[in-house]
């Protein structure tokens, strides 16, 4: 009589086909590992933020180096051009932020009297509604224009804080720019043995570039429209608030709210409630429609992430790394997806939950083609 097959063994009778540990214990161990990793990343946020910022900048400008090499330029010259572009992007970003903060710091004291007058008018209006003087006094004392301005500019100040570690960042950008020339050959070499790793890394770089292109295009359009509208309305520092709109455009879903607050407050101080409402309406039409309704769909199609996932990623990375994490939320989510989901063909169910729409992203179809091309390697990895 033939012995019934053991359900714990694979058909060849050698390798176990089920996990040796109970599923509940595996889930608990995985959750504990996630907590440890998250705590480590948060403790090393001062290092993770600049390193990933440098990586994203190099990924964004490296296609220029590839095009120059295809046209026959020597390697040393293409590397030099890439280094100049990288340093140029960093210099322009830093200069714009520093100038904007300096102009804002010089502008705020000029409106201290107007701010106090607005607070008094609001207090009188609230007292007519039956609110007691004690509550009004406490509310008036809590409305500090300098403190509010500090909160509104925390995002720009955090980015400008990278300059404090400028030597490290410049050296890192230089090394990454030099190494970027051989990145394609290294990924191709990895593909000969681990096609899933190569496909995941290529998917991360493609997704990051697509996200940066889409976000930059929308950011330039929004910044130009915002600066033009604010200049017509008569809001001071219209170009500064246009730059703020461009930077906050990299923050998914809620970036326009951060960019709206400073010009709306200046509209209240310079022209009263009517001008503030006009600023809010103009920003609502321009920024909300473009950044919150149209842009997320293009970003979702470009990177394969749903709008809900991008919002959750924004909250998580902002909590983990601060305001800089909010700006890098999408690229860091793409890297986490590449390492945790795209590397494992058994994790396609997670890819289905993360992506936008019903059709799979191009990266999933490329991975399926790779695994179809190397079926024996995919089967060996599944046995492992």
Foldseek 3Di string as FASTA:
>chain_A
DDDDDDQQADPVRPFGPDDPDDPVVVVVVVVVVVVVVLVVCLVCLVPVLLLVVLVLLLLQQVVQLVVVVVVPDDNVVSLVVSLVSSVVVVVVLLVLLVVLVVVVVVPQVVLPVLVLVVLVVVLVVVVVVPDDPVVSVVVSVVPDSVVVVCVLCVLSVVSNVVVVVVVVSSVSSSVCSSCSVCPVVVLVVCCVQQVLLSLLVVLLSQLSNQLCVLLQVLLVVLLVQQLVVCVVLPQPPSNSLSVQSSQLLLQAQCSLVSSQPVSLVSLCSPPNPVRSVVSVVSSCVRVCCSRHPPSQVSSLLRNFFHSVLSVVLLVVLCVRNNSSRSSCSVSVVSNVCSVPASSQPVNVVVSCVGGDDRDHHPSVVVSVVSCVVVVVSNVVVVSD
